[in-house]
Amino acid sequence: MKILHVIASPHLGGAERMCLWLAREQSSRGHEAAVLTFRPGDAQTEIERAGLHVFLPDLAGVNMEDRYAVRRAAAEALTKTTASFRPDVIHSHVPVTHLVCSRTLNRRWVATVHGSWKQFAYSPDTVRQPLLKPYLMLRHAVGDAWTLRNAARVAVPAQRTKALLERVGVSARKIRVIHNGLPPAAEIMERAAARAKMGIAPDAIALGGLGYFAPVKGFDLLVRAFATLTERHPTLQLLIAGGDVLGHCATRGMLEQLIARLGVAERVRLLGPLDPAAGFLASLDLFVVSSRSEGLPLALIQAMQHGLPSVVSSEGGSGEAARDGIESLVFPSGRIDRLAAALERLIVDKQLREAMGSAAAARASTYLTLQRCAEDYEQFYSEALGT
C-alpha cells in the first residue's frame, strides 16, 4: 500500500511525532509511506532521518507570514504529489491539512483528529485575551464539521474526541477510535542515576508533568493542587518540563508568578524541553496529566513505559490509556480539590503506587504499542478504501 501522510507544522509536536512513528512503522511492515509537509523545519529533518521521503511545496517567492499563500502552495504541492506518487491512501493529521485536503482533492482521504476543537479555547493567544475563547472554539468546531464532511473515515485517539466531533455533526459511522501507541522505550535510566542528574534527593517524592507551557495543559491547576499538599508532605517536589510554545512565554510567566504567590518556589521547578527518556521520567514517583483538553498524550504513554502510576484528567483519552483504579486515578477536569485528593492518595500509599506502576508498564508494553496502532490503521485504511 502507498500511503501519503500530510502535516503542516515545521515543528515536532504530538501529531507530527505520531505521524513520523506511524509512517516509519508502516514502512517496516512493507508499505511505501511518504510525508508531505507544508513547511521545512525540524519535522522534515526527523522524518528524513527516519529514512522516509518528504515532499515539500515550492515556497520560492512565497511570503511565509501569509498563511493563505502558504496554503495555496501546499495545495499545489498536494495536487502534484498525488499525481506523481499515486498514493492508495492520503492521510491528513491536523486541522489545516484537513482543510487543504477537503478543498484540493477530488477523491476521498482519511483524517486523524489528534485533539479536539475544545482545545483551542486554551491556546496561548487566550492567556491575555480570554474573550477569544468562545470565538476560537466555535471557529474550530465549525471547521471540523466542514472540512471532515468529505473524508472517507476519521480516526480519533479517544472516545471523548469522538463524542465532541459527533456534537458538531460529524457522522458517528465514519469515526473510529484508534488509541495511540509508541515504539518500545529505549533503555531506561537507573532511578538513582536519574535522580542525581535531576537533583532530586533519594528520599523525596517527586511528581512530574510534561508538555508545552500552554493553558490547555492545566499546569496552573497542578501547581495549585500541589501547594495544598506541601505542608503535610515536606519531601514533596514537583517538576514540570516542556518549555514554551513557539516563543509564547506568557504562560511560563503566569506560572512563575503563581508559584511565587503560593510560596512553593523552592519545591517546584519549570524545566525546558527534555528528552523524556534522558532521566526525567525515571526520576519521578508519579506522573500527572492535568489538561483542560486532550487527545491521548504521548507523554503519558512514555511515563507508563517507565512504570509510573499517574493521576490524569477526565478530558480526552488519558483515562482510556491509563485506566481509573488500574494504572491511574482519574479526576474531573478542572477540579483542583479532586486533583489534590488523588495525588495525596498515591503519595501516602506506596503499595498502591507500585501496583499501578507495574500495571502501567504492562499495559504500555502489550497494548499501547506502535505495532498495535499500525495494525489498527491498516484496517482503518482498508475500510476507507472499501467505501
Protein backbone atom coordinates (compact mmCIF):
# COMPACT_ATOMS: atom_id res chain seq x y z
CA MET A 1 0.00 0.00 0.00
CA LYS A 2 1.24 3.51 -0.83
CA ILE A 3 0.43 5.97 1.94
CA LEU A 4 0.90 9.74 1.84
CA HIS A 5 0.77 11.47 5.21
CA VAL A 6 0.09 15.22 5.26
CA ILE A 7 1.30 17.51 8.06
CA ALA A 8 1.66 21.27 8.28
CA SER A 9 3.91 22.39 11.13
CA PRO A 10 7.68 22.56 10.71
CA HIS A 11 7.96 21.65 14.41
CA LEU A 12 7.63 18.27 16.10
CA GLY A 13 4.52 18.38 18.24
CA GLY A 14 2.48 15.38 19.30
CA ALA A 15 0.63 14.99 15.98
CA GLU A 16 3.86 15.24 13.99
CA ARG A 17 5.64 12.69 16.19
CA MET A 18 2.72 10.28 15.90
CA CYS A 19 2.76 10.73 12.12
CA LEU A 20 6.51 10.09 11.99
CA TRP A 21 6.37 6.96 14.11
CA LEU A 22 3.35 5.61 12.24
CA ALA A 23 4.90 6.19 8.81
CA ARG A 24 8.15 4.58 9.94
CA GLU A 25 6.31 1.52 11.27
CA GLN A 26 4.27 1.27 8.08
CA SER A 27 7.45 1.26 6.02
CA SER A 28 8.87 -1.52 8.19
CA ARG A 29 5.68 -3.51 7.54
CA GLY A 30 6.22 -3.41 3.79
CA HIS A 31 4.16 -0.38 2.82
CA GLU A 32 5.52 2.64 0.95
CA ALA A 33 4.95 5.61 3.25
CA ALA A 34 5.90 9.22 2.49
CA VAL A 35 5.11 12.59 4.06
CA LEU A 36 4.05 15.91 2.54
CA THR A 37 4.80 18.78 4.92
CA PHE A 38 3.75 22.36 4.28
CA ARG A 39 6.98 23.90 5.61
CA PRO A 40 10.60 22.82 6.02
CA GLY A 41 11.92 22.52 9.56
CA ASP A 42 12.59 20.12 12.42
CA ALA A 43 9.77 17.79 11.41
CA GLN A 44 11.15 17.42 7.89
CA THR A 45 14.64 16.73 9.25
CA GLU A 46 13.46 14.00 11.62
CA ILE A 47 11.27 12.36 9.01
CA GLU A 48 14.14 12.23 6.53
CA ARG A 49 16.44 10.93 9.26
CA ALA A 50 13.97 8.05 9.70
CA GLY A 51 14.54 7.12 6.05
CA LEU A 52 11.21 8.40 4.74
CA HIS A 53 10.69 10.53 1.65
CA VAL A 54 9.45 14.06 2.27
CA PHE A 55 7.58 16.17 -0.29
CA LEU A 56 7.66 19.96 0.08
CA PRO A 57 5.76 22.75 -1.66
CA ASP A 58 7.59 25.23 -3.85
CA LEU A 59 7.87 28.18 -1.46
CA ALA A 60 10.14 30.33 -3.63
CA GLY A 61 8.79 33.87 -3.56
CA VAL A 62 6.09 32.97 -1.02
CA ASN A 63 5.66 35.29 1.95
CA MET A 64 5.90 32.81 4.85
CA GLU A 65 3.91 35.16 7.08
CA ASP A 66 0.98 34.95 4.65
CA ARG A 67 -0.80 31.76 5.72
CA TYR A 68 -3.13 31.86 2.72
CA ALA A 69 -0.17 31.98 0.32
CA VAL A 70 1.44 29.05 2.14
CA ARG A 71 -1.81 27.08 1.91
CA ARG A 72 -2.07 27.77 -1.82
CA ALA A 73 1.48 26.49 -2.29
CA ALA A 74 0.65 23.45 -0.17
CA ALA A 75 -2.48 22.75 -2.21
CA GLU A 76 -0.44 22.86 -5.42
CA ALA A 77 2.11 20.51 -3.87
CA LEU A 78 -0.64 18.12 -2.79
CA THR A 79 -2.03 18.01 -6.32
CA LYS A 80 1.40 17.40 -7.88
CA THR A 81 2.41 14.85 -5.25
CA THR A 82 -0.83 12.92 -5.66
CA ALA A 83 -0.24 12.76 -9.42
CA SER A 84 3.41 11.68 -9.15
CA PHE A 85 3.40 9.46 -6.04
CA ARG A 86 -0.06 7.99 -6.77
CA PRO A 87 -0.88 7.01 -3.17
CA ASP A 88 -3.56 4.49 -2.31
CA VAL A 89 -4.30 6.44 0.86
CA ILE A 90 -3.90 10.13 1.69
CA HIS A 91 -3.86 10.69 5.45
CA SER A 92 -4.12 14.21 6.94
CA HIS A 93 -3.24 14.90 10.58
CA VAL A 94 -4.11 18.46 11.70
CA PRO A 95 -6.95 20.95 11.04
CA VAL A 96 -5.16 22.95 8.34
CA THR A 97 -4.24 19.78 6.42
CA HIS A 98 -7.86 18.61 6.66
CA LEU A 99 -8.85 21.98 5.18
CA VAL A 100 -6.39 21.77 2.28
CA CYS A 101 -7.34 18.17 1.52
CA SER A 102 -11.06 18.98 1.54
CA ARG A 103 -10.56 21.88 -0.87
CA THR A 104 -7.99 20.27 -3.15
CA LEU A 105 -8.69 16.58 -3.58
CA ASN A 106 -11.27 15.24 -5.98
CA ARG A 107 -11.07 11.93 -4.12
CA ARG A 108 -11.74 10.87 -0.57
CA TRP A 109 -8.99 10.77 2.01
CA VAL A 110 -8.68 9.80 5.69
CA ALA A 111 -8.05 12.13 8.61
CA THR A 112 -6.83 11.82 12.17
CA VAL A 113 -8.13 14.38 14.67
CA HIS A 114 -5.44 14.19 17.34
CA GLY A 115 -7.10 16.70 19.68
CA SER A 116 -10.45 18.45 19.53
CA TRP A 117 -11.98 21.80 18.76
CA LYS A 118 -12.33 22.38 22.51
CA GLN A 119 -8.55 22.66 23.00
CA PHE A 120 -8.39 25.92 21.05
CA ALA A 121 -10.17 27.71 23.88
CA TYR A 122 -6.92 27.30 25.80
CA SER A 123 -4.37 28.34 23.20
CA PRO A 124 -1.51 30.72 24.14
CA ASP A 125 -3.45 33.55 22.46
CA THR A 126 -6.17 33.34 25.11
CA VAL A 127 -3.83 33.98 28.05
CA ARG A 128 -4.11 37.74 27.63
CA GLN A 129 -7.30 37.75 25.54
CA PRO A 130 -9.82 35.45 27.28
CA LEU A 131 -12.67 36.80 25.14
CA LEU A 132 -11.13 34.88 22.24
CA LYS A 133 -12.11 31.55 23.82
CA PRO A 134 -15.69 31.20 22.51
CA TYR A 135 -14.68 32.51 19.09
CA LEU A 136 -11.79 30.06 18.71
CA MET A 137 -13.87 27.10 19.88
CA LEU A 138 -16.71 27.99 17.51
CA ARG A 139 -14.36 28.53 14.57
CA HIS A 140 -12.64 25.18 15.03
CA ALA A 141 -15.85 23.29 15.77
CA VAL A 142 -17.40 24.59 12.55
CA GLY A 143 -14.09 23.95 10.79
CA ASP A 144 -14.06 20.30 11.85
CA ALA A 145 -17.63 19.79 10.71
CA TRP A 146 -16.96 21.47 7.34
CA THR A 147 -13.55 20.07 6.45
CA LEU A 148 -14.24 16.47 7.54
CA ARG A 149 -17.51 16.11 5.63
CA ASN A 150 -15.74 14.63 2.58
CA ALA A 151 -13.25 12.47 4.46
CA ALA A 152 -13.86 8.78 3.91
CA ARG A 153 -13.01 7.95 7.50
CA VAL A 154 -11.92 9.89 10.59
CA ALA A 155 -9.66 8.41 13.27
CA VAL A 156 -9.57 9.81 16.81
CA PRO A 157 -7.41 8.78 19.80
CA ALA A 158 -10.22 8.79 22.37
CA GLN A 159 -13.93 8.22 22.86
CA ARG A 160 -14.20 11.78 24.24
CA THR A 161 -12.81 13.19 20.97
CA LYS A 162 -15.32 11.10 19.03
CA ALA A 163 -18.19 12.47 21.12
CA LEU A 164 -17.06 16.07 20.53
CA LEU A 165 -16.97 15.52 16.76
CA GLU A 166 -20.43 13.97 16.84
CA ARG A 167 -21.67 17.07 18.68
CA VAL A 168 -20.75 19.25 15.70
CA GLY A 169 -22.32 16.93 13.14
CA VAL A 170 -19.57 14.54 12.02
CA SER A 171 -21.21 11.19 11.36
CA ALA A 172 -20.50 8.59 14.04
CA ARG A 173 -20.42 5.92 11.32
CA LYS A 174 -17.24 7.32 9.80
CA ILE A 175 -15.36 7.85 13.10
CA ARG A 176 -13.12 5.16 14.56
CA VAL A 177 -11.24 5.32 17.86
CA ILE A 178 -7.59 4.27 17.47
CA HIS A 179 -5.59 4.71 20.64
CA ASN A 180 -2.06 5.99 20.15
CA GLY A 181 0.84 3.62 20.54
CA LEU A 182 4.58 4.14 20.84
CA PRO A 183 7.68 2.21 19.83
CA PRO A 184 9.37 0.29 22.65
CA ALA A 185 11.12 2.52 25.17
CA ALA A 186 14.84 2.94 24.86
CA GLU A 187 16.94 1.74 27.76
CA ILE A 188 15.51 3.30 30.90
CA MET A 189 17.97 5.12 33.15
CA GLU A 190 18.51 3.65 36.59
CA ARG A 191 16.49 5.54 39.22
CA ALA A 192 19.43 6.63 41.41
CA ALA A 193 21.37 7.95 38.42
CA ALA A 194 18.27 9.75 37.12
CA ARG A 195 17.67 11.39 40.50
CA ALA A 196 21.27 12.50 40.74
CA LYS A 197 21.04 14.00 37.25
CA MET A 198 17.79 15.83 38.05
CA GLY A 199 18.95 16.96 41.50
CA ILE A 200 16.26 15.08 43.43
CA ALA A 201 17.03 13.77 46.92
CA PRO A 202 16.77 9.98 47.31
CA ASP A 203 14.01 10.26 49.95
CA ALA A 204 11.93 12.87 48.09
CA ILE A 205 8.59 12.09 46.48
CA ALA A 206 8.74 13.61 43.01
CA LEU A 207 5.67 14.45 40.95
CA GLY A 208 6.06 15.38 37.29
CA GLY A 209 4.19 16.79 34.32
CA LEU A 210 5.39 17.01 30.72
CA GLY A 211 4.14 19.20 27.88
CA TYR A 212 4.37 22.65 26.36
CA PHE A 213 3.68 25.51 28.76
CA ALA A 214 0.24 26.27 27.38
CA PRO A 215 -3.04 26.94 29.21
CA VAL A 216 -4.56 23.76 27.77
CA LYS A 217 -2.12 21.62 29.77
CA GLY A 218 -3.53 22.87 33.08
CA PHE A 219 -0.19 23.19 34.83
CA ASP A 220 -1.61 26.06 36.88
CA LEU A 221 -4.19 23.62 38.26
CA LEU A 222 -1.40 21.18 39.12
CA VAL A 223 0.62 23.87 40.91
CA ARG A 224 -2.42 24.92 42.96
CA ALA A 225 -3.20 21.33 43.93
CA PHE A 226 0.46 20.70 44.79
CA ALA A 227 0.58 23.78 47.04
CA THR A 228 -2.22 22.38 49.22
CA LEU A 229 -0.12 19.27 49.95
CA THR A 230 3.31 20.66 50.75
CA GLU A 231 2.73 21.37 54.44
CA ARG A 232 1.67 17.78 55.12
CA HIS A 233 4.37 16.25 52.91
CA PRO A 234 7.68 18.09 53.43
CA THR A 235 9.70 15.94 50.95
CA LEU A 236 7.31 16.56 48.07
CA GLN A 237 8.70 18.06 44.84
CA LEU A 238 7.12 18.99 41.52
CA LEU A 239 8.91 19.11 38.16
CA ILE A 240 7.19 20.39 35.01
CA ALA A 241 9.10 20.01 31.75
CA GLY A 242 8.36 21.02 28.18
CA GLY A 243 9.17 24.65 27.51
CA ASP A 244 7.33 27.44 25.76
CA VAL A 245 5.08 27.08 22.71
CA LEU A 246 6.86 28.56 19.67
CA GLY A 247 8.10 31.59 21.58
CA HIS A 248 4.91 32.22 23.57
CA CYS A 249 6.28 32.81 27.08
CA ALA A 250 3.17 34.34 28.72
CA THR A 251 2.08 31.02 30.25
CA ARG A 252 5.51 30.43 31.79
CA GLY A 253 5.41 33.94 33.26
CA MET A 254 2.00 33.36 34.78
CA LEU A 255 3.13 30.01 36.22
CA GLU A 256 6.20 31.62 37.77
CA GLN A 257 4.04 34.31 39.36
CA LEU A 258 1.60 31.72 40.68
CA ILE A 259 4.41 29.59 42.15
CA ALA A 260 5.88 32.63 43.91
CA ARG A 261 2.49 33.77 45.21
CA LEU A 262 1.73 30.32 46.66
CA GLY A 263 5.13 30.17 48.35
CA VAL A 264 6.29 26.93 46.71
CA ALA A 265 9.19 28.27 44.63
CA GLU A 266 11.68 26.03 46.45
CA ARG A 267 9.57 22.95 45.74
CA VAL A 268 8.55 23.48 42.08
CA ARG A 269 10.82 23.57 39.02
CA LEU A 270 9.85 24.62 35.50
CA LEU A 271 12.18 22.96 33.01
CA GLY A 272 12.73 23.47 29.31
CA PRO A 273 12.35 20.84 26.58
CA LEU A 274 13.69 17.48 27.76
CA ASP A 275 14.08 14.03 26.29
CA PRO A 276 11.66 12.04 28.50
CA ALA A 277 14.00 9.03 28.34
CA ALA A 278 17.06 11.01 29.47
CA GLY A 279 16.39 10.76 33.19
CA PHE A 280 13.34 12.98 33.68
CA LEU A 281 10.68 10.26 33.81
CA ALA A 282 12.98 7.76 35.53
CA SER A 283 13.46 10.23 38.40
CA LEU A 284 9.74 10.51 39.20
CA ASP A 285 7.42 8.66 41.58
CA LEU A 286 4.20 9.82 39.98
CA PHE A 287 3.15 11.33 36.63
CA VAL A 288 0.34 13.87 36.25
CA VAL A 289 -1.83 14.85 33.27
CA SER A 290 -3.75 17.95 34.41
CA SER A 291 -5.01 19.04 30.98
CA ARG A 292 -8.16 21.04 30.41
CA SER A 293 -8.49 19.38 26.99
CA GLU A 294 -6.55 16.47 25.47
CA GLY A 295 -6.40 13.82 22.82
CA LEU A 296 -4.25 10.99 24.12
CA PRO A 297 -0.93 12.44 25.29
CA LEU A 298 2.17 10.60 24.12
CA ALA A 299 3.94 11.74 27.30
CA LEU A 300 1.51 9.64 29.36
CA ILE A 301 2.37 6.50 27.38
CA GLN A 302 6.07 7.26 27.81
CA ALA A 303 5.53 7.60 31.57
CA MET A 304 3.71 4.26 31.59
CA GLN A 305 6.64 2.67 29.75
CA HIS A 306 8.76 3.87 32.67
CA GLY A 307 6.45 2.08 35.10
CA LEU A 308 4.93 5.24 36.55
CA PRO A 309 1.45 5.39 38.09
CA SER A 310 -0.47 8.51 37.14
CA VAL A 311 -3.17 10.95 38.08
CA VAL A 312 -4.98 12.07 34.94
CA SER A 313 -7.71 14.49 33.89
CA SER A 314 -11.04 13.14 32.71
CA GLU A 315 -10.62 15.10 29.47
CA GLY A 316 -9.57 13.17 26.37
CA GLY A 317 -8.21 9.65 26.31
CA SER A 318 -5.84 9.67 29.29
CA GLY A 319 -8.26 7.56 31.32
CA GLU A 320 -8.64 5.15 28.40
CA ALA A 321 -4.88 4.62 28.21
CA ALA A 322 -4.26 4.59 31.97
CA ARG A 323 -7.49 3.20 33.35
CA ASP A 324 -9.01 4.51 36.56
CA GLY A 325 -8.10 2.34 39.53
CA ILE A 326 -5.76 0.14 37.49
CA GLU A 327 -2.96 2.28 36.07
CA SER A 328 -4.17 5.70 37.22
CA LEU A 329 -6.56 7.74 39.30
CA VAL A 330 -8.84 9.93 37.16
CA PHE A 331 -10.08 13.29 38.45
CA PRO A 332 -12.77 15.54 36.93
CA SER A 333 -11.08 18.09 34.69
CA GLY A 334 -10.61 21.47 36.35
CA ARG A 335 -11.35 20.24 39.89
CA ILE A 336 -8.30 21.25 41.91
CA ASP A 337 -9.66 19.65 45.10
CA ARG A 338 -10.19 16.30 43.39
CA LEU A 339 -6.75 16.50 41.77
CA ALA A 340 -5.14 17.16 45.15
CA ALA A 341 -7.06 14.28 46.75
CA ALA A 342 -5.96 11.84 44.04
CA LEU A 343 -2.34 12.99 44.35
CA GLU A 344 -2.39 12.59 48.13
CA ARG A 345 -3.88 9.11 47.90
CA LEU A 346 -0.91 7.93 45.83
CA ILE A 347 1.63 9.95 47.81
CA VAL A 348 0.73 8.22 51.08
CA ASP A 349 0.16 4.73 49.63
CA LYS A 350 3.45 3.40 48.29
CA GLN A 351 2.00 -0.07 47.75
CA LEU A 352 -0.75 1.36 45.51
CA ARG A 353 1.83 3.42 43.59
CA GLU A 354 3.91 0.33 42.94
CA ALA A 355 0.92 -1.79 41.89
CA MET A 356 -0.33 0.86 39.46
CA GLY A 357 3.18 1.41 38.15
CA SER A 358 3.57 -2.29 37.37
CA ALA A 359 0.17 -2.34 35.67
CA ALA A 360 1.10 0.76 33.65
CA ALA A 361 4.31 -0.83 32.37
CA ALA A 362 2.42 -3.98 31.38
CA ARG A 363 -0.29 -2.05 29.51
CA ALA A 364 2.29 0.09 27.71
CA SER A 365 4.19 -2.98 26.52
CA THR A 366 1.17 -5.05 25.49
CA TYR A 367 -1.50 -2.63 24.24
CA LEU A 368 -0.21 0.93 23.85
CA THR A 369 2.32 -0.19 21.24
CA LEU A 370 3.13 1.22 17.83
CA GLN A 371 2.69 -2.22 16.28
CA ARG A 372 -0.91 -2.48 17.52
CA CYS A 373 -1.58 1.10 16.45
CA ALA A 374 -0.25 0.47 12.92
CA GLU A 375 -2.35 -2.68 12.63
CA ASP A 376 -5.45 -0.71 13.61
CA TYR A 377 -4.63 1.90 10.96
CA GLU A 378 -4.19 -0.80 8.30
CA GLN A 379 -7.73 -1.98 8.99
CA PHE A 380 -8.89 1.65 9.06
CA TYR A 381 -7.37 2.24 5.60
CA SER A 382 -8.97 -0.92 4.25
CA GLU A 383 -12.36 0.25 5.48
CA ALA A 384 -11.81 3.63 3.84
CA LEU A 385 -10.74 2.11 0.50
CA GLY A 386 -13.83 -0.07 0.53
CA THR A 387 -16.23 2.87 0.80
